[in-house]
PDB file of N, CA and C in Angstrom:
ATOM      1  N   UNK A   1     -19.868 -49.762  18.835  1.00  0.00           N
ATOM      2  CA  UNK A   1     -19.471 -48.378  18.747  1.00  0.00           C
ATOM      3  C   UNK A   1     -17.957 -48.273  18.941  1.00  0.00           C
ATOM      4  N   UNK A   2     -17.343 -47.502  18.088  1.00  0.00           N
ATOM      5  CA  UNK A   2     -15.882 -47.355  18.144  1.00  0.00           C
ATOM      6  C   UNK A   2     -15.488 -46.199  19.058  1.00  0.00           C
ATOM      7  N   UNK A   3     -14.249 -46.276  19.535  1.00  0.00           N
ATOM      8  CA  UNK A   3     -13.718 -45.197  20.361  1.00  0.00           C
ATOM      9  C   UNK A   3     -13.174 -44.079  19.476  1.00  0.00           C
ATOM     10  N   UNK A   4     -12.489 -43.135  20.093  1.00  0.00           N
ATOM     11  CA  UNK A   4     -11.919 -42.020  19.317  1.00  0.00           C
ATOM     12  C   UNK A   4     -10.833 -42.520  18.364  1.00  0.00           C
ATOM     13  N   UNK A   5     -10.644 -41.778  17.293  1.00  0.00           N
ATOM     14  CA  UNK A   5      -9.634 -42.150  16.299  1.00  0.00           C
ATOM     15  C   UNK A   5      -8.240 -42.054  16.911  1.00  0.00           C
ATOM     16  N   UNK A   6      -7.355 -42.950  16.495  1.00  0.00           N
ATOM     17  CA  UNK A   6      -5.977 -42.957  16.979  1.00  0.00           C
ATOM     18  C   UNK A   6      -5.145 -42.017  16.100  1.00  0.00           C
ATOM     19  N   UNK A   7      -4.919 -40.810  16.595  1.00  0.00           N
ATOM     20  CA  UNK A   7      -4.187 -39.806  15.814  1.00  0.00           C
ATOM     21  C   UNK A   7      -2.823 -39.478  16.419  1.00  0.00           C
ATOM     22  N   UNK A   8      -2.345 -40.319  17.331  1.00  0.00           N
ATOM     23  CA  UNK A   8      -1.059 -40.071  17.973  1.00  0.00           C
ATOM     24  C   UNK A   8       0.069 -40.009  16.948  1.00  0.00           C
ATOM     25  N   UNK A   9       0.038 -40.868  15.953  1.00  0.00           N
ATOM     26  CA  UNK A   9       1.087 -40.892  14.930  1.00  0.00           C
ATOM     27  C   UNK A   9       1.125 -39.573  14.169  1.00  0.00           C
ATOM     28  N   UNK A  10      -0.050 -39.045  13.833  1.00  0.00           N
ATOM     29  CA  UNK A  10      -0.105 -37.776  13.107  1.00  0.00           C
ATOM     30  C   UNK A  10       0.386 -36.619  13.972  1.00  0.00           C
ATOM     31  N   UNK A  11       0.079 -36.658  15.257  1.00  0.00           N
ATOM     32  CA  UNK A  11       0.546 -35.612  16.157  1.00  0.00           C
ATOM     33  C   UNK A  11       2.068 -35.632  16.252  1.00  0.00           C
ATOM     34  N   UNK A  12       2.640 -36.813  16.416  1.00  0.00           N
ATOM     35  CA  UNK A  12       4.100 -36.933  16.503  1.00  0.00           C
ATOM     36  C   UNK A  12       4.738 -36.486  15.198  1.00  0.00           C
ATOM     37  N   UNK A  13       4.157 -36.878  14.064  1.00  0.00           N
ATOM     38  CA  UNK A  13       4.692 -36.454  12.764  1.00  0.00           C
ATOM     39  C   UNK A  13       4.601 -34.937  12.618  1.00  0.00           C
ATOM     40  N   UNK A  14       3.515 -34.354  13.066  1.00  0.00           N
ATOM     41  CA  UNK A  14       3.357 -32.901  12.998  1.00  0.00           C
ATOM     42  C   UNK A  14       4.406 -32.177  13.824  1.00  0.00           C
ATOM     43  N   UNK A  15       4.631 -32.643  15.037  1.00  0.00           N
ATOM     44  CA  UNK A  15       5.659 -32.037  15.871  1.00  0.00           C
ATOM     45  C   UNK A  15       7.044 -32.212  15.249  1.00  0.00           C
ATOM     46  N   UNK A  16       7.318 -33.382  14.677  1.00  0.00           N
ATOM     47  CA  UNK A  16       8.612 -33.620  14.035  1.00  0.00           C
ATOM     48  C   UNK A  16       8.823 -32.648  12.878  1.00  0.00           C
ATOM     49  N   UNK A  17       7.795 -32.415  12.087  1.00  0.00           N
ATOM     50  CA  UNK A  17       7.907 -31.481  10.963  1.00  0.00           C
ATOM     51  C   UNK A  17       8.128 -30.064  11.479  1.00  0.00           C
ATOM     52  N   UNK A  18       7.364 -29.660  12.488  1.00  0.00           N
ATOM     53  CA  UNK A  18       7.506 -28.302  13.027  1.00  0.00           C
ATOM     54  C   UNK A  18       8.907 -28.088  13.589  1.00  0.00           C
ATOM     55  N   UNK A  19       9.392 -29.026  14.389  1.00  0.00           N
ATOM     56  CA  UNK A  19      10.727 -28.866  14.964  1.00  0.00           C
ATOM     57  C   UNK A  19      11.804 -28.955  13.887  1.00  0.00           C
ATOM     58  N   UNK A  20      11.590 -29.760  12.855  1.00  0.00           N
ATOM     59  CA  UNK A  20      12.535 -29.818  11.740  1.00  0.00           C
ATOM     60  C   UNK A  20      12.631 -28.485  11.015  1.00  0.00           C
ATOM     61  N   UNK A  21      11.497 -27.873  10.758  1.00  0.00           N
ATOM     62  CA  UNK A  21      11.486 -26.572  10.093  1.00  0.00           C
ATOM     63  C   UNK A  21      12.139 -25.516  10.980  1.00  0.00           C
ATOM     64  N   UNK A  22      11.863 -25.554  12.275  1.00  0.00           N
ATOM     65  CA  UNK A  22      12.484 -24.595  13.192  1.00  0.00           C
ATOM     66  C   UNK A  22      13.995 -24.792  13.241  1.00  0.00           C
ATOM     67  N   UNK A  23      14.452 -26.023  13.202  1.00  0.00           N
ATOM     68  CA  UNK A  23      15.884 -26.295  13.211  1.00  0.00           C
ATOM     69  C   UNK A  23      16.540 -25.772  11.941  1.00  0.00           C
ATOM     70  N   UNK A  24      15.910 -26.003  10.801  1.00  0.00           N
ATOM     71  CA  UNK A  24      16.448 -25.498   9.535  1.00  0.00           C
ATOM     72  C   UNK A  24      16.506 -23.974   9.560  1.00  0.00           C
ATOM     73  N   UNK A  25      15.467 -23.325  10.089  1.00  0.00           N
ATOM     74  CA  UNK A  25      15.445 -21.868  10.182  1.00  0.00           C
ATOM     75  C   UNK A  25      16.555 -21.363  11.097  1.00  0.00           C
ATOM     76  N   UNK A  26      16.772 -22.045  12.215  1.00  0.00           N
ATOM     77  CA  UNK A  26      17.817 -21.645  13.149  1.00  0.00           C
ATOM     78  C   UNK A  26      19.195 -21.769  12.506  1.00  0.00           C
ATOM     79  N   UNK A  27      19.440 -22.859  11.802  1.00  0.00           N
ATOM     80  CA  UNK A  27      20.717 -23.041  11.107  1.00  0.00           C
ATOM     81  C   UNK A  27      20.896 -21.947  10.060  1.00  0.00           C
ATOM     82  N   UNK A  28      19.817 -21.619   9.350  1.00  0.00           N
ATOM     83  CA  UNK A  28      19.868 -20.551   8.355  1.00  0.00           C
ATOM     84  C   UNK A  28      20.238 -19.215   9.001  1.00  0.00           C
ATOM     85  N   UNK A  29      19.632 -18.910  10.141  1.00  0.00           N
ATOM     86  CA  UNK A  29      19.957 -17.659  10.834  1.00  0.00           C
ATOM     87  C   UNK A  29      21.413 -17.622  11.281  1.00  0.00           C
ATOM     88  N   UNK A  30      21.913 -18.736  11.780  1.00  0.00           N
ATOM     89  CA  UNK A  30      23.305 -18.792  12.226  1.00  0.00           C
ATOM     90  C   UNK A  30      24.253 -18.578  11.056  1.00  0.00           C
ATOM     91  N   UNK A  31      23.974 -19.221   9.923  1.00  0.00           N
ATOM     92  CA  UNK A  31      24.829 -19.048   8.745  1.00  0.00           C
ATOM     93  C   UNK A  31      24.782 -17.609   8.230  1.00  0.00           C
ATOM     94  N   UNK A  32      23.596 -17.022   8.231  1.00  0.00           N
ATOM     95  CA  UNK A  32      23.484 -15.620   7.797  1.00  0.00           C
ATOM     96  C   UNK A  32      24.260 -14.705   8.729  1.00  0.00           C
ATOM     97  N   UNK A  33      24.202 -14.971  10.038  1.00  0.00           N
ATOM     98  CA  UNK A  33      24.913 -14.157  11.016  1.00  0.00           C
ATOM     99  C   UNK A  33      26.419 -14.234  10.786  1.00  0.00           C
ATOM    100  N   UNK A  34      26.918 -15.438  10.519  1.00  0.00           N
ATOM    101  CA  UNK A  34      28.351 -15.602  10.256  1.00  0.00           C
ATOM    102  C   UNK A  34      28.758 -14.853   8.996  1.00  0.00           C
ATOM    103  N   UNK A  35      27.947 -14.952   7.949  1.00  0.00           N
ATOM    104  CA  UNK A  35      28.253 -14.236   6.711  1.00  0.00           C
ATOM    105  C   UNK A  35      28.207 -12.728   6.922  1.00  0.00           C
ATOM    106  N   UNK A  36      27.277 -12.254   7.720  1.00  0.00           N
ATOM    107  CA  UNK A  36      27.186 -10.830   8.019  1.00  0.00           C
ATOM    108  C   UNK A  36      28.424 -10.355   8.757  1.00  0.00           C
ATOM    109  N   UNK A  37      28.889 -11.141   9.709  1.00  0.00           N
ATOM    110  CA  UNK A  37      30.110 -10.775  10.443  1.00  0.00           C
ATOM    111  C   UNK A  37      31.312 -10.691   9.504  1.00  0.00           C
ATOM    112  N   UNK A  38      31.409 -11.636   8.558  1.00  0.00           N
ATOM    113  CA  UNK A  38      32.502 -11.599   7.583  1.00  0.00           C
ATOM    114  C   UNK A  38      32.395 -10.359   6.715  1.00  0.00           C
ATOM    115  N   UNK A  39      31.191 -10.024   6.274  1.00  0.00           N
ATOM    116  CA  UNK A  39      30.992  -8.834   5.451  1.00  0.00           C
ATOM    117  C   UNK A  39      31.376  -7.570   6.206  1.00  0.00           C
ATOM    118  N   UNK A  40      31.048  -7.511   7.480  1.00  0.00           N
ATOM    119  CA  UNK A  40      31.415  -6.348   8.291  1.00  0.00           C
ATOM    120  C   UNK A  40      32.921  -6.220   8.377  1.00  0.00           C
ATOM    121  N   UNK A  41      33.616  -7.330   8.573  1.00  0.00           N
ATOM    122  CA  UNK A  41      35.079  -7.302   8.653  1.00  0.00           C
ATOM    123  C   UNK A  41      35.687  -6.840   7.325  1.00  0.00           C
ATOM    124  N   UNK A  42      35.148  -7.319   6.204  1.00  0.00           N
ATOM    125  CA  UNK A  42      35.653  -6.908   4.890  1.00  0.00           C
ATOM    126  C   UNK A  42      35.443  -5.412   4.695  1.00  0.00           C
ATOM    127  N   UNK A  43      34.266  -4.918   5.069  1.00  0.00           N
ATOM    128  CA  UNK A  43      34.001  -3.485   4.934  1.00  0.00           C
ATOM    129  C   UNK A  43      34.916  -2.654   5.828  1.00  0.00           C
ATOM    130  N   UNK A  44      35.207  -3.126   7.024  1.00  0.00           N
ATOM    131  CA  UNK A  44      36.132  -2.409   7.902  1.00  0.00           C
ATOM    132  C   UNK A  44      37.536  -2.375   7.303  1.00  0.00           C
ATOM    133  N   UNK A  45      37.964  -3.504   6.724  1.00  0.00           N
ATOM    134  CA  UNK A  45      39.277  -3.534   6.077  1.00  0.00           C
ATOM    135  C   UNK A  45      39.334  -2.584   4.890  1.00  0.00           C
ATOM    136  N   UNK A  46      38.281  -2.527   4.112  1.00  0.00           N
ATOM    137  CA  UNK A  46      38.251  -1.613   2.971  1.00  0.00           C
ATOM    138  C   UNK A  46      38.256  -0.169   3.434  1.00  0.00           C
ATOM    139  N   UNK A  47      37.589   0.101   4.529  1.00  0.00           N
ATOM    140  CA  UNK A  47      37.547   1.452   5.063  1.00  0.00           C
ATOM    141  C   UNK A  47      38.935   1.892   5.550  1.00  0.00           C
ATOM    142  N   UNK A  48      39.665   0.966   6.156  1.00  0.00           N
ATOM    143  CA  UNK A  48      41.010   1.277   6.638  1.00  0.00           C
ATOM    144  C   UNK A  48      41.970   1.562   5.483  1.00  0.00           C
ATOM    145  N   UNK A  49      41.782   0.882   4.372  1.00  0.00           N
ATOM    146  CA  UNK A  49      42.663   1.074   3.220  1.00  0.00           C
ATOM    147  C   UNK A  49      42.456   2.446   2.574  1.00  0.00           C
ATOM    148  N   UNK A  50      41.256   2.973   2.686  1.00  0.00           N
ATOM    149  CA  UNK A  50      40.966   4.280   2.072  1.00  0.00           C
ATOM    150  C   UNK A  50      41.471   5.375   2.897  1.00  0.00           C
TER     151      UNK A  50
END
């Protein structure tokens, strides 16, 4: 009779994928935030010119 299946590798791979996706999402949010700040500054400059 065999013991339980060895799924440790799949668990580690699953966590690696989840954390990788979360990291990509976090980087995406940071880049969007920076672009939003630049857009706000451009709009403020345009408002001052008018």
